[in-house]
């Protein structure tokens, strides 16, 4: 009896890389669906493997841990937030720009509660924030490999408002103003995510609360009409 041995042609590097990238995308999309449906508890490597009909080992070849997988899923959502913030920066009027930045940030938190919690509310998030820090007045690009943080967009918006003379002369600390605004927005989102169903609080519509808070803050900071733009701006402290 004659046996004929055939050799399978070697897989090209391009094809191997393409298939590897396709599997990685499959893993991320499946994890994203699980995360949106049930939060971190739903995203186990076993659940993801079952969903895409691969072995757990295949998942490990792309992501060393559940934490690494969830973080990448959230950073994909984080990119949507950055894109929305970047669109808001195109608004010419500095005060309107700050309002749109605030709305984009709040909308993301309320529409993506699990992702917001993972990125901004966990204790571990403080030691490993996504993105990077950009200096006030420096250009920021949401599409870069090392994307900016939401705070960079807000601080840049404050910097331009101060430079345009939109705030009273005693309010020139970009960091202080930006951090006060961010704390207010973050507090609003966190309260509505964590305590929205608390029976002791009759919550007003969140968008109305956001608009009211911003008006109070910005009106308190606003300069009188025809104020001359400042000759100096405090970037830190």
C-alpha atoms as a PDB file:
ATOM      1  CA  UNK A   1       0.000   0.000   0.000  1.00  0.00           C
ATOM      2  CA  UNK A   2       1.362   3.366  -1.004  1.00  0.00           C
ATOM      3  CA  UNK A   3       0.999   6.315   1.375  1.00  0.00           C
ATOM      4  CA  UNK A   4       1.230   9.800  -0.046  1.00  0.00           C
ATOM      5  CA  UNK A   5       2.367  12.456   2.390  1.00  0.00           C
ATOM      6  CA  UNK A   6       1.373  16.002   1.626  1.00  0.00           C
ATOM      7  CA  UNK A   7       2.836  19.012   3.336  1.00  0.00           C
ATOM      8  CA  UNK A   8       0.607  21.880   4.373  1.00  0.00           C
ATOM      9  CA  UNK A   9       2.033  25.080   2.898  1.00  0.00           C
ATOM     10  CA  UNK A  10       3.526  27.314   5.579  1.00  0.00           C
ATOM     11  CA  UNK A  11       1.318  30.153   6.718  1.00  0.00           C
ATOM     12  CA  UNK A  12       2.645  33.535   5.734  1.00  0.00           C
ATOM     13  CA  UNK A  13       3.429  36.078   8.426  1.00  0.00           C
ATOM     14  CA  UNK A  14       0.795  38.422   6.981  1.00  0.00           C
ATOM     15  CA  UNK A  15      -1.905  35.795   7.216  1.00  0.00           C
ATOM     16  CA  UNK A  16      -0.813  34.752  10.706  1.00  0.00           C
ATOM     17  CA  UNK A  17      -0.875  38.352  11.899  1.00  0.00           C
ATOM     18  CA  UNK A  18      -4.244  38.958  10.277  1.00  0.00           C
ATOM     19  CA  UNK A  19      -5.788  35.927  11.967  1.00  0.00           C
ATOM     20  CA  UNK A  20      -4.256  36.890  15.292  1.00  0.00           C
ATOM     21  CA  UNK A  21      -5.663  40.411  15.000  1.00  0.00           C
ATOM     22  CA  UNK A  22      -9.075  39.052  14.032  1.00  0.00           C
ATOM     23  CA  UNK A  23      -9.124  36.802  17.098  1.00  0.00           C
ATOM     24  CA  UNK A  24      -8.082  39.683  19.357  1.00  0.00           C
ATOM     25  CA  UNK A  25     -10.918  41.807  17.963  1.00  0.00           C
ATOM     26  CA  UNK A  26     -13.348  38.917  18.496  1.00  0.00           C
ATOM     27  CA  UNK A  27     -12.247  38.639  22.120  1.00  0.00           C
ATOM     28  CA  UNK A  28     -12.615  42.384  22.712  1.00  0.00           C
ATOM     29  CA  UNK A  29     -16.058  42.594  21.106  1.00  0.00           C
ATOM     30  CA  UNK A  30     -17.319  39.644  23.118  1.00  0.00           C
ATOM     31  CA  UNK A  31     -15.884  41.026  26.345  1.00  0.00           C
ATOM     32  CA  UNK A  32     -17.449  44.392  25.573  1.00  0.00           C
ATOM     33  CA  UNK A  33     -20.894  42.796  25.175  1.00  0.00           C
ATOM     34  CA  UNK A  34     -20.503  40.856  28.428  1.00  0.00           C
ATOM     35  CA  UNK A  35     -19.250  43.933  30.273  1.00  0.00           C
ATOM     36  CA  UNK A  36     -22.158  46.099  29.107  1.00  0.00           C
ATOM     37  CA  UNK A  37     -24.629  43.370  30.068  1.00  0.00           C
ATOM     38  CA  UNK A  38     -23.343  42.437  33.510  1.00  0.00           C
ATOM     39  CA  UNK A  39     -20.310  44.492  34.474  1.00  0.00           C
ATOM     40  CA  UNK A  40     -16.936  43.163  35.589  1.00  0.00           C
ATOM     41  CA  UNK A  41     -18.406  40.047  37.159  1.00  0.00           C
ATOM     42  CA  UNK A  42     -19.695  38.852  33.800  1.00  0.00           C
ATOM     43  CA  UNK A  43     -16.334  39.233  32.055  1.00  0.00           C
ATOM     44  CA  UNK A  44     -14.435  36.064  32.909  1.00  0.00           C
ATOM     45  CA  UNK A  45     -11.937  34.534  30.520  1.00  0.00           C
ATOM     46  CA  UNK A  46     -14.059  31.364  30.580  1.00  0.00           C
ATOM     47  CA  UNK A  47     -17.222  33.280  29.582  1.00  0.00           C
ATOM     48  CA  UNK A  48     -15.404  35.070  26.774  1.00  0.00           C
ATOM     49  CA  UNK A  49     -13.890  31.804  25.527  1.00  0.00           C
ATOM     50  CA  UNK A  50     -17.298  30.120  25.515  1.00  0.00           C
ATOM     51  CA  UNK A  51     -18.879  33.037  23.687  1.00  0.00           C
ATOM     52  CA  UNK A  52     -16.368  32.974  20.819  1.00  0.00           C
ATOM     53  CA  UNK A  53     -15.947  29.147  20.936  1.00  0.00           C
ATOM     54  CA  UNK A  54     -12.220  29.186  21.646  1.00  0.00           C
ATOM     55  CA  UNK A  55     -10.197  27.793  24.508  1.00  0.00           C
ATOM     56  CA  UNK A  56      -9.268  29.844  27.573  1.00  0.00           C
ATOM     57  CA  UNK A  57      -5.649  29.337  26.527  1.00  0.00           C
ATOM     58  CA  UNK A  58      -6.370  31.275  23.328  1.00  0.00           C
ATOM     59  CA  UNK A  59      -7.602  34.200  25.420  1.00  0.00           C
ATOM     60  CA  UNK A  60      -4.479  34.075  27.578  1.00  0.00           C
ATOM     61  CA  UNK A  61      -2.311  34.331  24.479  1.00  0.00           C
ATOM     62  CA  UNK A  62      -3.748  37.834  23.955  1.00  0.00           C
ATOM     63  CA  UNK A  63      -4.534  39.008  27.487  1.00  0.00           C
ATOM     64  CA  UNK A  64      -2.566  37.880  30.557  1.00  0.00           C
ATOM     65  CA  UNK A  65      -5.466  38.509  32.937  1.00  0.00           C
ATOM     66  CA  UNK A  66      -9.108  39.468  33.244  1.00  0.00           C
ATOM     67  CA  UNK A  67      -7.991  42.900  34.493  1.00  0.00           C
ATOM     68  CA  UNK A  68      -5.959  43.490  31.320  1.00  0.00           C
ATOM     69  CA  UNK A  69      -8.901  42.481  29.130  1.00  0.00           C
ATOM     70  CA  UNK A  70     -11.413  44.693  30.957  1.00  0.00           C
ATOM     71  CA  UNK A  71      -9.021  47.633  30.890  1.00  0.00           C
ATOM     72  CA  UNK A  72      -8.635  47.414  27.130  1.00  0.00           C
ATOM     73  CA  UNK A  73     -12.407  47.158  26.699  1.00  0.00           C
ATOM     74  CA  UNK A  74     -12.861  50.274  28.812  1.00  0.00           C
ATOM     75  CA  UNK A  75     -10.142  52.165  27.000  1.00  0.00           C
ATOM     76  CA  UNK A  76     -11.992  51.534  23.745  1.00  0.00           C
ATOM     77  CA  UNK A  77     -14.997  53.257  25.335  1.00  0.00           C
ATOM     78  CA  UNK A  78     -12.636  55.881  26.714  1.00  0.00           C
ATOM     79  CA  UNK A  79     -11.686  56.704  23.117  1.00  0.00           C
ATOM     80  CA  UNK A  80     -15.338  57.562  22.430  1.00  0.00           C
ATOM     81  CA  UNK A  81     -15.290  59.959  25.376  1.00  0.00           C
ATOM     82  CA  UNK A  82     -12.143  61.609  24.062  1.00  0.00           C
ATOM     83  CA  UNK A  83     -13.703  61.990  20.630  1.00  0.00           C
ATOM     84  CA  UNK A  84     -16.783  63.664  22.133  1.00  0.00           C
ATOM     85  CA  UNK A  85     -14.591  65.983  24.208  1.00  0.00           C
ATOM     86  CA  UNK A  86     -12.505  66.820  21.165  1.00  0.00           C
ATOM     87  CA  UNK A  87     -15.647  67.766  19.211  1.00  0.00           C
ATOM     88  CA  UNK A  88     -16.658  70.058  22.066  1.00  0.00           C
ATOM     89  CA  UNK A  89     -13.321  71.877  21.840  1.00  0.00           C
ATOM     90  CA  UNK A  90     -14.248  73.024  18.334  1.00  0.00           C
ATOM     91  CA  UNK A  91     -16.869  75.394  19.812  1.00  0.00           C
ATOM     92  CA  UNK A  92     -15.538  78.958  19.310  1.00  0.00           C
ATOM     93  CA  UNK A  93     -16.986  80.645  22.415  1.00  0.00           C
ATOM     94  CA  UNK A  94     -14.885  79.691  25.486  1.00  0.00           C
ATOM     95  CA  UNK A  95     -17.817  79.538  27.923  1.00  0.00           C
ATOM     96  CA  UNK A  96     -19.995  77.516  25.543  1.00  0.00           C
ATOM     97  CA  UNK A  97     -17.000  75.232  25.003  1.00  0.00           C
ATOM     98  CA  UNK A  98     -16.812  74.521  28.741  1.00  0.00           C
ATOM     99  CA  UNK A  99     -20.538  73.749  28.839  1.00  0.00           C
ATOM    100  CA  UNK A 100     -20.210  71.295  25.952  1.00  0.00           C
ATOM    101  CA  UNK A 101     -17.163  69.667  27.526  1.00  0.00           C
ATOM    102  CA  UNK A 102     -19.122  69.210  30.734  1.00  0.00           C
ATOM    103  CA  UNK A 103     -22.129  67.739  28.909  1.00  0.00           C
ATOM    104  CA  UNK A 104     -19.951  65.281  26.973  1.00  0.00           C
ATOM    105  CA  UNK A 105     -18.282  64.085  30.170  1.00  0.00           C
ATOM    106  CA  UNK A 106     -21.556  63.633  32.071  1.00  0.00           C
ATOM    107  CA  UNK A 107     -23.263  61.922  29.124  1.00  0.00           C
ATOM    108  CA  UNK A 108     -20.450  59.368  28.915  1.00  0.00           C
ATOM    109  CA  UNK A 109     -20.689  58.547  32.608  1.00  0.00           C
ATOM    110  CA  UNK A 110     -24.447  58.099  32.592  1.00  0.00           C
ATOM    111  CA  UNK A 111     -24.547  56.124  29.339  1.00  0.00           C
ATOM    112  CA  UNK A 112     -21.566  53.871  30.210  1.00  0.00           C
ATOM    113  CA  UNK A 113     -21.919  53.290  33.979  1.00  0.00           C
ATOM    114  CA  UNK A 114     -19.805  50.125  34.210  1.00  0.00           C
ATOM    115  CA  UNK A 115     -17.012  51.645  32.161  1.00  0.00           C
ATOM    116  CA  UNK A 116     -17.126  54.886  34.136  1.00  0.00           C
ATOM    117  CA  UNK A 117     -16.917  53.003  37.407  1.00  0.00           C
ATOM    118  CA  UNK A 118     -13.933  50.991  36.186  1.00  0.00           C
ATOM    119  CA  UNK A 119     -12.051  54.028  34.883  1.00  0.00           C
ATOM    120  CA  UNK A 120     -12.871  56.654  37.507  1.00  0.00           C
ATOM    121  CA  UNK A 121     -14.355  55.173  40.694  1.00  0.00           C
ATOM    122  CA  UNK A 122     -12.216  52.162  41.616  1.00  0.00           C
ATOM    123  CA  UNK A 123      -9.372  52.634  44.078  1.00  0.00           C
ATOM    124  CA  UNK A 124      -6.945  51.119  41.549  1.00  0.00           C
ATOM    125  CA  UNK A 125      -7.945  53.688  38.925  1.00  0.00           C
ATOM    126  CA  UNK A 126      -6.095  56.402  40.839  1.00  0.00           C
ATOM    127  CA  UNK A 127      -2.754  54.633  40.444  1.00  0.00           C
ATOM    128  CA  UNK A 128      -3.185  53.693  36.791  1.00  0.00           C
ATOM    129  CA  UNK A 129      -5.212  56.371  34.992  1.00  0.00           C
ATOM    130  CA  UNK A 130      -5.726  55.913  31.250  1.00  0.00           C
ATOM    131  CA  UNK A 131      -4.066  58.340  28.888  1.00  0.00           C
ATOM    132  CA  UNK A 132      -1.464  60.913  29.866  1.00  0.00           C
ATOM    133  CA  UNK A 133      -1.149  64.425  31.198  1.00  0.00           C
ATOM    134  CA  UNK A 134      -0.795  67.341  28.818  1.00  0.00           C
ATOM    135  CA  UNK A 135       0.321  70.782  29.917  1.00  0.00           C
ATOM    136  CA  UNK A 136      -2.135  73.671  29.773  1.00  0.00           C
ATOM    137  CA  UNK A 137      -1.832  75.505  26.492  1.00  0.00           C
ATOM    138  CA  UNK A 138      -0.301  72.473  24.740  1.00  0.00           C
ATOM    139  CA  UNK A 139      -2.105  70.891  21.765  1.00  0.00           C
ATOM    140  CA  UNK A 140      -3.975  67.679  22.590  1.00  0.00           C
ATOM    141  CA  UNK A 141      -4.995  64.996  20.123  1.00  0.00           C
ATOM    142  CA  UNK A 142      -7.520  62.264  20.975  1.00  0.00           C
ATOM    143  CA  UNK A 143      -6.252  60.043  18.186  1.00  0.00           C
ATOM    144  CA  UNK A 144      -2.657  59.758  19.385  1.00  0.00           C
ATOM    145  CA  UNK A 145      -1.213  56.501  20.684  1.00  0.00           C
ATOM    146  CA  UNK A 146      -0.844  58.130  24.094  1.00  0.00           C
ATOM    147  CA  UNK A 147      -4.274  59.729  24.313  1.00  0.00           C
ATOM    148  CA  UNK A 148      -5.027  62.603  26.694  1.00  0.00           C
ATOM    149  CA  UNK A 149      -7.135  62.322  29.810  1.00  0.00           C
ATOM    150  CA  UNK A 150     -10.540  64.026  30.096  1.00  0.00           C
ATOM    151  CA  UNK A 151      -8.962  66.442  32.545  1.00  0.00           C
ATOM    152  CA  UNK A 152      -6.588  67.627  29.795  1.00  0.00           C
ATOM    153  CA  UNK A 153      -9.541  68.741  27.675  1.00  0.00           C
ATOM    154  CA  UNK A 154     -11.234  70.486  30.586  1.00  0.00           C
ATOM    155  CA  UNK A 155      -8.056  72.207  31.708  1.00  0.00           C
ATOM    156  CA  UNK A 156      -7.339  73.372  28.163  1.00  0.00           C
ATOM    157  CA  UNK A 157     -10.881  74.769  27.975  1.00  0.00           C
ATOM    158  CA  UNK A 158     -10.349  76.650  31.230  1.00  0.00           C
ATOM    159  CA  UNK A 159      -6.977  77.934  30.032  1.00  0.00           C
ATOM    160  CA  UNK A 160      -8.565  79.436  26.918  1.00  0.00           C
ATOM    161  CA  UNK A 161     -11.434  80.945  28.911  1.00  0.00           C
ATOM    162  CA  UNK A 162      -8.988  82.603  31.316  1.00  0.00           C
ATOM    163  CA  UNK A 163      -6.817  83.829  28.425  1.00  0.00           C
ATOM    164  CA  UNK A 164      -9.883  85.334  26.722  1.00  0.00           C
ATOM    165  CA  UNK A 165     -10.798  87.286  29.861  1.00  0.00           C
ATOM    166  CA  UNK A 166     -13.982  85.306  30.510  1.00  0.00           C
ATOM    167  CA  UNK A 167     -13.334  85.029  34.249  1.00  0.00           C
ATOM    168  CA  UNK A 168     -12.960  87.659  36.928  1.00  0.00           C
ATOM    169  CA  UNK A 169      -9.369  88.855  37.439  1.00  0.00           C
ATOM    170  CA  UNK A 170      -8.971  87.135  40.799  1.00  0.00           C
ATOM    171  CA  UNK A 171      -9.675  83.757  39.158  1.00  0.00           C
ATOM    172  CA  UNK A 172      -6.573  82.971  37.131  1.00  0.00           C
ATOM    173  CA  UNK A 173      -5.476  79.589  38.488  1.00  0.00           C
ATOM    174  CA  UNK A 174      -6.182  77.199  35.622  1.00  0.00           C
ATOM    175  CA  UNK A 175      -5.628  74.095  37.748  1.00  0.00           C
ATOM    176  CA  UNK A 176      -7.838  75.301  40.596  1.00  0.00           C
ATOM    177  CA  UNK A 177     -10.734  76.224  38.303  1.00  0.00           C
ATOM    178  CA  UNK A 178     -10.445  73.044  36.207  1.00  0.00           C
ATOM    179  CA  UNK A 179     -10.270  70.780  39.257  1.00  0.00           C
ATOM    180  CA  UNK A 180     -13.256  72.497  40.863  1.00  0.00           C
ATOM    181  CA  UNK A 181     -15.319  72.013  37.696  1.00  0.00           C
ATOM    182  CA  UNK A 182     -14.201  68.395  37.295  1.00  0.00           C
ATOM    183  CA  UNK A 183     -14.957  67.606  40.952  1.00  0.00           C
ATOM    184  CA  UNK A 184     -18.490  68.943  40.495  1.00  0.00           C
ATOM    185  CA  UNK A 185     -19.098  66.940  37.322  1.00  0.00           C
ATOM    186  CA  UNK A 186     -17.578  63.773  38.742  1.00  0.00           C
ATOM    187  CA  UNK A 187     -19.646  64.126  41.903  1.00  0.00           C
ATOM    188  CA  UNK A 188     -22.850  64.486  39.892  1.00  0.00           C
ATOM    189  CA  UNK A 189     -22.129  61.396  37.826  1.00  0.00           C
ATOM    190  CA  UNK A 190     -21.009  59.301  40.796  1.00  0.00           C
ATOM    191  CA  UNK A 191     -24.069  60.213  42.872  1.00  0.00           C
ATOM    192  CA  UNK A 192     -26.473  59.375  40.078  1.00  0.00           C
ATOM    193  CA  UNK A 193     -24.737  56.067  39.365  1.00  0.00           C
ATOM    194  CA  UNK A 194     -24.441  54.936  42.971  1.00  0.00           C
ATOM    195  CA  UNK A 195     -27.436  56.555  44.683  1.00  0.00           C
ATOM    196  CA  UNK A 196     -29.933  57.115  41.875  1.00  0.00           C
ATOM    197  CA  UNK A 197     -32.501  54.779  43.449  1.00  0.00           C
ATOM    198  CA  UNK A 198     -32.058  55.905  47.038  1.00  0.00           C
ATOM    199  CA  UNK A 199     -35.563  56.276  48.487  1.00  0.00           C
ATOM    200  CA  UNK A 200     -34.658  59.254  50.689  1.00  0.00           C
ATOM    201  CA  UNK A 201     -33.705  61.470  47.719  1.00  0.00           C
ATOM    202  CA  UNK A 202     -36.190  62.788  45.184  1.00  0.00           C
ATOM    203  CA  UNK A 203     -33.720  63.276  42.344  1.00  0.00           C
ATOM    204  CA  UNK A 204     -34.266  65.992  39.797  1.00  0.00           C
ATOM    205  CA  UNK A 205     -33.509  65.136  36.145  1.00  0.00           C
ATOM    206  CA  UNK A 206     -29.753  64.809  35.936  1.00  0.00           C
ATOM    207  CA  UNK A 207     -29.377  67.074  32.909  1.00  0.00           C
ATOM    208  CA  UNK A 208     -31.254  69.858  34.708  1.00  0.00           C
ATOM    209  CA  UNK A 209     -28.930  69.433  37.692  1.00  0.00           C
ATOM    210  CA  UNK A 210     -25.862  69.570  35.451  1.00  0.00           C
ATOM    211  CA  UNK A 211     -27.045  72.736  33.714  1.00  0.00           C
ATOM    212  CA  UNK A 212     -27.941  74.403  37.025  1.00  0.00           C
ATOM    213  CA  UNK A 213     -24.570  73.494  38.569  1.00  0.00           C
ATOM    214  CA  UNK A 214     -22.654  74.791  35.567  1.00  0.00           C
ATOM    215  CA  UNK A 215     -24.596  78.041  35.506  1.00  0.00           C
ATOM    216  CA  UNK A 216     -23.882  78.618  39.193  1.00  0.00           C
ATOM    217  CA  UNK A 217     -20.177  77.860  38.772  1.00  0.00           C
ATOM    218  CA  UNK A 218     -19.609  79.730  35.528  1.00  0.00           C
ATOM    219  CA  UNK A 219     -21.704  82.749  36.522  1.00  0.00           C
ATOM    220  CA  UNK A 220     -19.731  82.963  39.737  1.00  0.00           C
ATOM    221  CA  UNK A 221     -16.473  82.934  37.783  1.00  0.00           C
ATOM    222  CA  UNK A 222     -17.623  85.166  34.931  1.00  0.00           C
ATOM    223  CA  UNK A 223     -15.984  88.534  34.388  1.00  0.00           C
ATOM    224  CA  UNK A 224     -17.991  91.749  34.059  1.00  0.00           C
ATOM    225  CA  UNK A 225     -18.644  92.882  30.472  1.00  0.00           C
ATOM    226  CA  UNK A 226     -15.750  94.405  28.523  1.00  0.00           C
ATOM    227  CA  UNK A 227     -13.065  93.209  30.937  1.00  0.00           C
ATOM    228  CA  UNK A 228      -9.565  93.320  29.458  1.00  0.00           C
ATOM    229  CA  UNK A 229      -7.964  89.847  29.062  1.00  0.00           C
ATOM    230  CA  UNK A 230      -5.347  89.138  31.761  1.00  0.00           C
ATOM    231  CA  UNK A 231      -1.663  89.809  31.176  1.00  0.00           C
ATOM    232  CA  UNK A 232      -0.679  86.678  33.118  1.00  0.00           C
ATOM    233  CA  UNK A 233      -2.237  83.296  33.850  1.00  0.00           C
ATOM    234  CA  UNK A 234      -1.472  80.972  36.756  1.00  0.00           C
ATOM    235  CA  UNK A 235      -1.080  77.479  35.346  1.00  0.00           C
ATOM    236  CA  UNK A 236      -0.300  75.641  38.590  1.00  0.00           C
ATOM    237  CA  UNK A 237      -1.115  76.033  42.258  1.00  0.00           C
END
